[in-house]
Amino acid sequence: METKNNHYFYVLECADTSLYAGYTNNLEKRVATHNAGKGAKYTKAHRPVKCVYYETFETKQEAMRAEYAFKQLQRNEKLKYIGGR
């Protein structure tokens, strides 16, 4: 049984200002993993990263749908989505 609101769609800003989006069920641990160079191939080469946006969802499927939809956007749309950062 899944715990409610324990699924995150998150957006990281990398050292070069590029954006990385992902899914996790433990946001703090996942960001630390990215910064340790073990989170993803992309972020390993673009450290350090900081979490600039996240949303919580009741199910993994909902969070992953949000991640997919975000990844389909153009950069300017992504920036508007996360609040103009």
PDB file of N, CA and C in Angstrom:
ATOM      1  N   MET A   1       0.841  -1.199   0.000  1.00  0.00           N
ATOM      2  CA  MET A   1       0.000   0.000   0.000  1.00  0.00           C
ATOM      3  C   MET A   1       0.875   1.248   0.000  1.00  0.00           C
ATOM      4  N   GLU A   2       0.595   2.177  -0.887  1.00  0.00           N
ATOM      5  CA  GLU A   2       1.393   3.398  -1.007  1.00  0.00           C
ATOM      6  C   GLU A   2       0.987   4.418   0.055  1.00  0.00           C
ATOM      7  N   THR A   3       1.972   5.119   0.579  1.00  0.00           N
ATOM      8  CA  THR A   3       1.720   6.185   1.536  1.00  0.00           C
ATOM      9  C   THR A   3       1.259   7.425   0.780  1.00  0.00           C
ATOM     10  N   LYS A   4       0.236   8.079   1.292  1.00  0.00           N
ATOM     11  CA  LYS A   4      -0.278   9.271   0.616  1.00  0.00           C
ATOM     12  C   LYS A   4       0.743  10.404   0.611  1.00  0.00           C
ATOM     13  N   ASN A   5       0.756  11.141  -0.496  1.00  0.00           N
ATOM     14  CA  ASN A   5       1.602  12.320  -0.667  1.00  0.00           C
ATOM     15  C   ASN A   5       3.091  12.047  -0.418  1.00  0.00           C
ATOM     16  N   ASN A   6       3.533  10.866  -0.774  1.00  0.00           N
ATOM     17  CA  ASN A   6       4.943  10.530  -0.605  1.00  0.00           C
ATOM     18  C   ASN A   6       5.613  10.313  -1.958  1.00  0.00           C
ATOM     19  N   HIS A   7       5.055  10.905  -2.993  1.00  0.00           N
ATOM     20  CA  HIS A   7       5.602  10.774  -4.338  1.00  0.00           C
ATOM     21  C   HIS A   7       5.819  12.182  -4.878  1.00  0.00           C
ATOM     22  N   TYR A   8       7.028  12.412  -5.358  1.00  0.00           N
ATOM     23  CA  TYR A   8       7.420  13.752  -5.770  1.00  0.00           C
ATOM     24  C   TYR A   8       7.835  13.804  -7.227  1.00  0.00           C
ATOM     25  N   PHE A   9       7.367  14.830  -7.903  1.00  0.00           N
ATOM     26  CA  PHE A   9       7.931  15.270  -9.171  1.00  0.00           C
ATOM     27  C   PHE A   9       8.774  16.476  -8.775  1.00  0.00           C
ATOM     28  N   TYR A  10      10.040  16.492  -9.188  1.00  0.00           N
ATOM     29  CA  TYR A  10      10.917  17.574  -8.762  1.00  0.00           C
ATOM     30  C   TYR A  10      11.723  18.120  -9.940  1.00  0.00           C
ATOM     31  N   VAL A  11      12.180  19.356  -9.776  1.00  0.00           N
ATOM     32  CA  VAL A  11      13.019  19.997 -10.779  1.00  0.00           C
ATOM     33  C   VAL A  11      14.266  20.519 -10.083  1.00  0.00           C
ATOM     34  N   LEU A  12      15.420  20.159 -10.637  1.00  0.00           N
ATOM     35  CA  LEU A  12      16.697  20.634 -10.131  1.00  0.00           C
ATOM     36  C   LEU A  12      17.261  21.672 -11.084  1.00  0.00           C
ATOM     37  N   GLU A  13      17.931  22.657 -10.526  1.00  0.00           N
ATOM     38  CA  GLU A  13      18.712  23.577 -11.339  1.00  0.00           C
ATOM     39  C   GLU A  13      20.175  23.176 -11.157  1.00  0.00           C
ATOM     40  N   CYS A  14      20.834  22.926 -12.261  1.00  0.00           N
ATOM     41  CA  CYS A  14      22.230  22.497 -12.235  1.00  0.00           C
ATOM     42  C   CYS A  14      23.158  23.713 -12.212  1.00  0.00           C
ATOM     43  N   ALA A  15      24.435  23.465 -11.959  1.00  0.00           N
ATOM     44  CA  ALA A  15      25.422  24.545 -11.863  1.00  0.00           C
ATOM     45  C   ALA A  15      25.465  25.405 -13.116  1.00  0.00           C
ATOM     46  N   ASP A  16      25.184  24.812 -14.270  1.00  0.00           N
ATOM     47  CA  ASP A  16      25.202  25.574 -15.530  1.00  0.00           C
ATOM     48  C   ASP A  16      23.840  26.181 -15.872  1.00  0.00           C
ATOM     49  N   THR A  17      22.927  26.205 -14.938  1.00  0.00           N
ATOM     50  CA  THR A  17      21.546  26.712 -15.018  1.00  0.00           C
ATOM     51  C   THR A  17      20.618  25.828 -15.843  1.00  0.00           C
ATOM     52  N   SER A  18      21.090  24.675 -16.281  1.00  0.00           N
ATOM     53  CA  SER A  18      20.184  23.758 -16.967  1.00  0.00           C
ATOM     54  C   SER A  18      19.227  23.153 -15.939  1.00  0.00           C
ATOM     55  N   LEU A  19      18.118  22.623 -16.426  1.00  0.00           N
ATOM     56  CA  LEU A  19      17.109  22.037 -15.553  1.00  0.00           C
ATOM     57  C   LEU A  19      17.070  20.525 -15.726  1.00  0.00           C
ATOM     58  N   TYR A  20      16.828  19.829 -14.628  1.00  0.00           N
ATOM     59  CA  TYR A  20      16.694  18.372 -14.640  1.00  0.00           C
ATOM     60  C   TYR A  20      15.426  18.039 -13.875  1.00  0.00           C
ATOM     61  N   ALA A  21      14.575  17.213 -14.442  1.00  0.00           N
ATOM     62  CA  ALA A  21      13.323  16.820 -13.791  1.00  0.00           C
ATOM     63  C   ALA A  21      13.355  15.336 -13.482  1.00  0.00           C
ATOM     64  N   GLY A  22      12.717  14.965 -12.370  1.00  0.00           N
ATOM     65  CA  GLY A  22      12.694  13.568 -12.003  1.00  0.00           C
ATOM     66  C   GLY A  22      11.558  13.224 -11.062  1.00  0.00           C
ATOM     67  N   TYR A  23      11.555  11.957 -10.657  1.00  0.00           N
ATOM     68  CA  TYR A  23      10.573  11.414  -9.726  1.00  0.00           C
ATOM     69  C   TYR A  23      11.325  10.781  -8.558  1.00  0.00           C
ATOM     70  N   THR A  24      10.769  10.882  -7.372  1.00  0.00           N
ATOM     71  CA  THR A  24      11.311  10.176  -6.212  1.00  0.00           C
ATOM     72  C   THR A  24      10.222  10.020  -5.154  1.00  0.00           C
ATOM     73  N   ASN A  25      10.501   9.151  -4.189  1.00  0.00           N
ATOM     74  CA  ASN A  25       9.606   9.047  -3.037  1.00  0.00           C
ATOM     75  C   ASN A  25      10.307   9.559  -1.773  1.00  0.00           C
ATOM     76  N   ASN A  26      11.531  10.090  -1.930  1.00  0.00           N
ATOM     77  CA  ASN A  26      12.273  10.685  -0.816  1.00  0.00           C
ATOM     78  C   ASN A  26      13.096  11.846  -1.381  1.00  0.00           C
ATOM     79  N   LEU A  27      12.540  13.019  -1.342  1.00  0.00           N
ATOM     80  CA  LEU A  27      13.127  14.175  -2.027  1.00  0.00           C
ATOM     81  C   LEU A  27      14.497  14.571  -1.471  1.00  0.00           C
ATOM     82  N   GLU A  28      14.620  14.700  -0.165  1.00  0.00           N
ATOM     83  CA  GLU A  28      15.897  15.114   0.414  1.00  0.00           C
ATOM     84  C   GLU A  28      17.010  14.131   0.075  1.00  0.00           C
ATOM     85  N   LYS A  29      16.724  12.859   0.193  1.00  0.00           N
ATOM     86  CA  LYS A  29      17.720  11.830  -0.100  1.00  0.00           C
ATOM     87  C   LYS A  29      18.108  11.848  -1.579  1.00  0.00           C
ATOM     88  N   ARG A  30      17.130  12.057  -2.442  1.00  0.00           N
ATOM     89  CA  ARG A  30      17.393  12.049  -3.878  1.00  0.00           C
ATOM     90  C   ARG A  30      18.272  13.232  -4.294  1.00  0.00           C
ATOM     91  N   VAL A  31      18.010  14.409  -3.752  1.00  0.00           N
ATOM     92  CA  VAL A  31      18.827  15.577  -4.073  1.00  0.00           C
ATOM     93  C   VAL A  31      20.254  15.349  -3.578  1.00  0.00           C
ATOM     94  N   ALA A  32      20.406  14.797  -2.385  1.00  0.00           N
ATOM     95  CA  ALA A  32      21.742  14.495  -1.859  1.00  0.00           C
ATOM     96  C   ALA A  32      22.454  13.481  -2.750  1.00  0.00           C
ATOM     97  N   THR A  33      21.723  12.499  -3.253  1.00  0.00           N
ATOM     98  CA  THR A  33      22.302  11.494  -4.142  1.00  0.00           C
ATOM     99  C   THR A  33      22.785  12.141  -5.437  1.00  0.00           C
ATOM    100  N   HIS A  34      21.988  13.037  -5.983  1.00  0.00           N
ATOM    101  CA  HIS A  34      22.407  13.768  -7.192  1.00  0.00           C
ATOM    102  C   HIS A  34      23.698  14.539  -6.917  1.00  0.00           C
ATOM    103  N   ASN A  35      23.754  15.233  -5.790  1.00  0.00           N
ATOM    104  CA  ASN A  35      24.940  16.044  -5.480  1.00  0.00           C
ATOM    105  C   ASN A  35      26.165  15.201  -5.159  1.00  0.00           C
ATOM    106  N   ALA A  36      25.948  13.947  -4.802  1.00  0.00           N
ATOM    107  CA  ALA A  36      27.064  13.034  -4.550  1.00  0.00           C
ATOM    108  C   ALA A  36      27.586  12.418  -5.849  1.00  0.00           C
ATOM    109  N   GLY A  37      26.928  12.743  -6.969  1.00  0.00           N
ATOM    110  CA  GLY A  37      27.354  12.226  -8.264  1.00  0.00           C
ATOM    111  C   GLY A  37      26.820  10.846  -8.579  1.00  0.00           C
ATOM    112  N   LYS A  38      25.805  10.415  -7.835  1.00  0.00           N
ATOM    113  CA  LYS A  38      25.253   9.072  -8.025  1.00  0.00           C
ATOM    114  C   LYS A  38      23.790   9.074  -8.452  1.00  0.00           C
ATOM    115  N   GLY A  39      23.221  10.241  -8.661  1.00  0.00           N
ATOM    116  CA  GLY A  39      21.793  10.324  -8.940  1.00  0.00           C
ATOM    117  C   GLY A  39      21.410  10.012 -10.367  1.00  0.00           C
ATOM    118  N   ALA A  40      22.110  10.581 -11.310  1.00  0.00           N
ATOM    119  CA  ALA A  40      21.809  10.396 -12.731  1.00  0.00           C
ATOM    120  C   ALA A  40      23.041  10.797 -13.525  1.00  0.00           C
ATOM    121  N   LYS A  41      23.194  10.203 -14.669  1.00  0.00           N
ATOM    122  CA  LYS A  41      24.342  10.506 -15.523  1.00  0.00           C
ATOM    123  C   LYS A  41      24.396  12.003 -15.842  1.00  0.00           C
ATOM    124  N   TYR A  42      23.254  12.597 -16.135  1.00  0.00           N
ATOM    125  CA  TYR A  42      23.219  14.016 -16.498  1.00  0.00           C
ATOM    126  C   TYR A  42      23.670  14.889 -15.337  1.00  0.00           C
ATOM    127  N   THR A  43      23.095  14.705 -14.165  1.00  0.00           N
ATOM    128  CA  THR A  43      23.426  15.589 -13.048  1.00  0.00           C
ATOM    129  C   THR A  43      24.849  15.363 -12.545  1.00  0.00           C
ATOM    130  N   LYS A  44      25.386  14.174 -12.743  1.00  0.00           N
ATOM    131  CA  LYS A  44      26.755  13.895 -12.324  1.00  0.00           C
ATOM    132  C   LYS A  44      27.723  14.871 -12.989  1.00  0.00           C
ATOM    133  N   ALA A  45      27.466  15.204 -14.240  1.00  0.00           N
ATOM    134  CA  ALA A  45      28.326  16.112 -14.992  1.00  0.00           C
ATOM    135  C   ALA A  45      27.952  17.581 -14.829  1.00  0.00           C
ATOM    136  N   HIS A  46      26.876  17.876 -14.105  1.00  0.00           N
ATOM    137  CA  HIS A  46      26.392  19.261 -13.990  1.00  0.00           C
ATOM    138  C   HIS A  46      26.206  19.699 -12.538  1.00  0.00           C
ATOM    139  N   ARG A  47      26.970  19.116 -11.639  1.00  0.00           N
ATOM    140  CA  ARG A  47      26.861  19.450 -10.216  1.00  0.00           C
ATOM    141  C   ARG A  47      27.542  20.772  -9.913  1.00  0.00           C
ATOM    142  N   PRO A  48      27.163  21.388  -8.776  1.00  0.00           N
ATOM    143  CA  PRO A  48      26.132  20.965  -7.848  1.00  0.00           C
ATOM    144  C   PRO A  48      24.737  21.323  -8.369  1.00  0.00           C
ATOM    145  N   VAL A  49      23.749  20.685  -7.774  1.00  0.00           N
ATOM    146  CA  VAL A  49      22.359  20.937  -8.146  1.00  0.00           C
ATOM    147  C   VAL A  49      21.595  21.410  -6.922  1.00  0.00           C
ATOM    148  N   LYS A  50      20.508  22.122  -7.185  1.00  0.00           N
ATOM    149  CA  LYS A  50      19.619  22.517  -6.088  1.00  0.00           C
ATOM    150  C   LYS A  50      18.183  22.320  -6.543  1.00  0.00           C
ATOM    151  N   CYS A  51      17.358  21.917  -5.623  1.00  0.00           N
ATOM    152  CA  CYS A  51      15.942  21.707  -5.929  1.00  0.00           C
ATOM    153  C   CYS A  51      15.268  23.075  -5.986  1.00  0.00           C
ATOM    154  N   VAL A  52      14.662  23.379  -7.134  1.00  0.00           N
ATOM    155  CA  VAL A  52      14.001  24.673  -7.304  1.00  0.00           C
ATOM    156  C   VAL A  52      12.481  24.553  -7.368  1.00  0.00           C
ATOM    157  N   TYR A  53      11.983  23.298  -7.441  1.00  0.00           N
ATOM    158  CA  TYR A  53      10.544  23.111  -7.540  1.00  0.00           C
ATOM    159  C   TYR A  53      10.209  21.660  -7.250  1.00  0.00           C
ATOM    160  N   TYR A  54       9.087  21.438  -6.592  1.00  0.00           N
ATOM    161  CA  TYR A  54       8.571  20.077  -6.448  1.00  0.00           C
ATOM    162  C   TYR A  54       7.070  20.104  -6.213  1.00  0.00           C
ATOM    163  N   GLU A  55       6.448  19.017  -6.543  1.00  0.00           N
ATOM    164  CA  GLU A  55       5.027  18.804  -6.275  1.00  0.00           C
ATOM    165  C   GLU A  55       4.892  17.439  -5.627  1.00  0.00           C
ATOM    166  N   THR A  56       3.921  17.284  -4.745  1.00  0.00           N
ATOM    167  CA  THR A  56       3.666  15.988  -4.131  1.00  0.00           C
ATOM    168  C   THR A  56       2.387  15.389  -4.712  1.00  0.00           C
ATOM    169  N   PHE A  57       2.375  14.065  -4.773  1.00  0.00           N
ATOM    170  CA  PHE A  57       1.241  13.330  -5.332  1.00  0.00           C
ATOM    171  C   PHE A  57       0.934  12.119  -4.464  1.00  0.00           C
ATOM    172  N   GLU A  58      -0.282  11.639  -4.563  1.00  0.00           N
ATOM    173  CA  GLU A  58      -0.687  10.465  -3.803  1.00  0.00           C
ATOM    174  C   GLU A  58      -0.157   9.177  -4.408  1.00  0.00           C
ATOM    175  N   THR A  59       0.090   9.160  -5.718  1.00  0.00           N
ATOM    176  CA  THR A  59       0.567   7.931  -6.357  1.00  0.00           C
ATOM    177  C   THR A  59       1.788   8.199  -7.215  1.00  0.00           C
ATOM    178  N   LYS A  60       2.563   7.161  -7.411  1.00  0.00           N
ATOM    179  CA  LYS A  60       3.743   7.242  -8.271  1.00  0.00           C
ATOM    180  C   LYS A  60       3.340   7.594  -9.696  1.00  0.00           C
ATOM    181  N   GLN A  61       2.255   7.029 -10.168  1.00  0.00           N
ATOM    182  CA  GLN A  61       1.789   7.258 -11.532  1.00  0.00           C
ATOM    183  C   GLN A  61       1.480   8.731 -11.775  1.00  0.00           C
ATOM    184  N   GLU A  62       0.827   9.375 -10.820  1.00  0.00           N
ATOM    185  CA  GLU A  62       0.511  10.802 -10.973  1.00  0.00           C
ATOM    186  C   GLU A  62       1.789  11.645 -11.043  1.00  0.00           C
ATOM    187  N   ALA A  63       2.734  11.342 -10.185  1.00  0.00           N
ATOM    188  CA  ALA A  63       3.997  12.091 -10.169  1.00  0.00           C
ATOM    189  C   ALA A  63       4.769  11.892 -11.470  1.00  0.00           C
ATOM    190  N   MET A  64       4.775  10.690 -11.971  1.00  0.00           N
ATOM    191  CA  MET A  64       5.506  10.407 -13.201  1.00  0.00           C
ATOM    192  C   MET A  64       4.819  11.032 -14.415  1.00  0.00           C
ATOM    193  N   ARG A  65       3.500  11.132 -14.379  1.00  0.00           N
ATOM    194  CA  ARG A  65       2.784  11.839 -15.453  1.00  0.00           C
ATOM    195  C   ARG A  65       3.165  13.318 -15.462  1.00  0.00           C
ATOM    196  N   ALA A  66       3.265  13.912 -14.267  1.00  0.00           N
ATOM    197  CA  ALA A  66       3.662  15.319 -14.170  1.00  0.00           C
ATOM    198  C   ALA A  66       5.088  15.512 -14.686  1.00  0.00           C
ATOM    199  N   GLU A  67       5.979  14.584 -14.349  1.00  0.00           N
ATOM    200  CA  GLU A  67       7.358  14.651 -14.835  1.00  0.00           C
ATOM    201  C   GLU A  67       7.391  14.572 -16.358  1.00  0.00           C
ATOM    202  N   TYR A  68       6.671  13.634 -16.925  1.00  0.00           N
ATOM    203  CA  TYR A  68       6.646  13.470 -18.386  1.00  0.00           C
ATOM    204  C   TYR A  68       6.121  14.729 -19.063  1.00  0.00           C
ATOM    205  N   ALA A  69       5.024  15.273 -18.541  1.00  0.00           N
ATOM    206  CA  ALA A  69       4.429  16.473 -19.138  1.00  0.00           C
ATOM    207  C   ALA A  69       5.417  17.639 -19.073  1.00  0.00           C
ATOM    208  N   PHE A  70       6.121  17.785 -17.963  1.00  0.00           N
ATOM    209  CA  PHE A  70       7.108  18.854 -17.817  1.00  0.00           C
ATOM    210  C   PHE A  70       8.223  18.713 -18.844  1.00  0.00           C
ATOM    211  N   LYS A  71       8.674  17.501 -19.049  1.00  0.00           N
ATOM    212  CA  LYS A  71       9.778  17.261 -19.981  1.00  0.00           C
ATOM    213  C   LYS A  71       9.399  17.553 -21.433  1.00  0.00           C
ATOM    214  N   GLN A  72       8.114  17.628 -21.729  1.00  0.00           N
ATOM    215  CA  GLN A  72       7.661  17.928 -23.086  1.00  0.00           C
ATOM    216  C   GLN A  72       7.670  19.427 -23.379  1.00  0.00           C
ATOM    217  N   LEU A  73       7.829  20.247 -22.340  1.00  0.00           N
ATOM    218  CA  LEU A  73       7.787  21.700 -22.502  1.00  0.00           C
ATOM    219  C   LEU A  73       9.108  22.255 -23.024  1.00  0.00           C
ATOM    220  N   GLN A  74       9.037  23.416 -23.648  1.00  0.00           N
ATOM    221  CA  GLN A  74      10.225  24.166 -24.035  1.00  0.00           C
ATOM    222  C   GLN A  74      10.789  24.837 -22.782  1.00  0.00           C
ATOM    223  N   ARG A  75      12.057  25.218 -22.809  1.00  0.00           N
ATOM    224  CA  ARG A  75      12.690  25.788 -21.619  1.00  0.00           C
ATOM    225  C   ARG A  75      11.922  26.999 -21.063  1.00  0.00           C
ATOM    226  N   ASN A  76      11.494  27.913 -21.926  1.00  0.00           N
ATOM    227  CA  ASN A  76      10.774  29.086 -21.432  1.00  0.00           C
ATOM    228  C   ASN A  76       9.467  28.689 -20.749  1.00  0.00           C
ATOM    229  N   GLU A  77       8.810  27.652 -21.247  1.00  0.00           N
ATOM    230  CA  GLU A  77       7.588  27.152 -20.619  1.00  0.00           C
ATOM    231  C   GLU A  77       7.898  26.488 -19.283  1.00  0.00           C
ATOM    232  N   LYS A  78       9.018  25.793 -19.223  1.00  0.00           N
ATOM    233  CA  LYS A  78       9.438  25.159 -17.966  1.00  0.00           C
ATOM    234  C   LYS A  78       9.699  26.220 -16.901  1.00  0.00           C
ATOM    235  N   LEU A  79      10.383  27.282 -17.288  1.00  0.00           N
ATOM    236  CA  LEU A  79      10.669  28.359 -16.334  1.00  0.00           C
ATOM    237  C   LEU A  79       9.384  28.994 -15.828  1.00  0.00           C
ATOM    238  N   LYS A  80       8.431  29.202 -16.727  1.00  0.00           N
ATOM    239  CA  LYS A  80       7.142  29.765 -16.319  1.00  0.00           C
ATOM    240  C   LYS A  80       6.434  28.789 -15.378  1.00  0.00           C
ATOM    241  N   TYR A  81       6.482  27.507 -15.656  1.00  0.00           N
ATOM    242  CA  TYR A  81       5.847  26.456 -14.849  1.00  0.00           C
ATOM    243  C   TYR A  81       6.369  26.473 -13.422  1.00  0.00           C
ATOM    244  N   ILE A  82       7.695  26.630 -13.275  1.00  0.00           N
ATOM    245  CA  ILE A  82       8.277  26.585 -11.925  1.00  0.00           C
ATOM    246  C   ILE A  82       8.324  27.957 -11.259  1.00  0.00           C
ATOM    247  N   GLY A  83       7.739  28.939 -11.891  1.00  0.00           N
ATOM    248  CA  GLY A  83       7.617  30.244 -11.262  1.00  0.00           C
ATOM    249  C   GLY A  83       8.605  31.283 -11.719  1.00  0.00           C
ATOM    250  N   GLY A  84       9.103  31.136 -12.930  1.00  0.00           N
ATOM    251  CA  GLY A  84       9.944  32.164 -13.513  1.00  0.00           C
ATOM    252  C   GLY A  84      11.365  32.243 -12.979  1.00  0.00           C
ATOM    253  N   ARG A  85      11.848  31.196 -12.369  1.00  0.00           N
ATOM    254  CA  ARG A  85      13.234  31.199 -11.847  1.00  0.00           C
ATOM    255  C   ARG A  85      14.226  31.394 -12.955  1.00  0.00           C
TER     256      ARG A  85
END
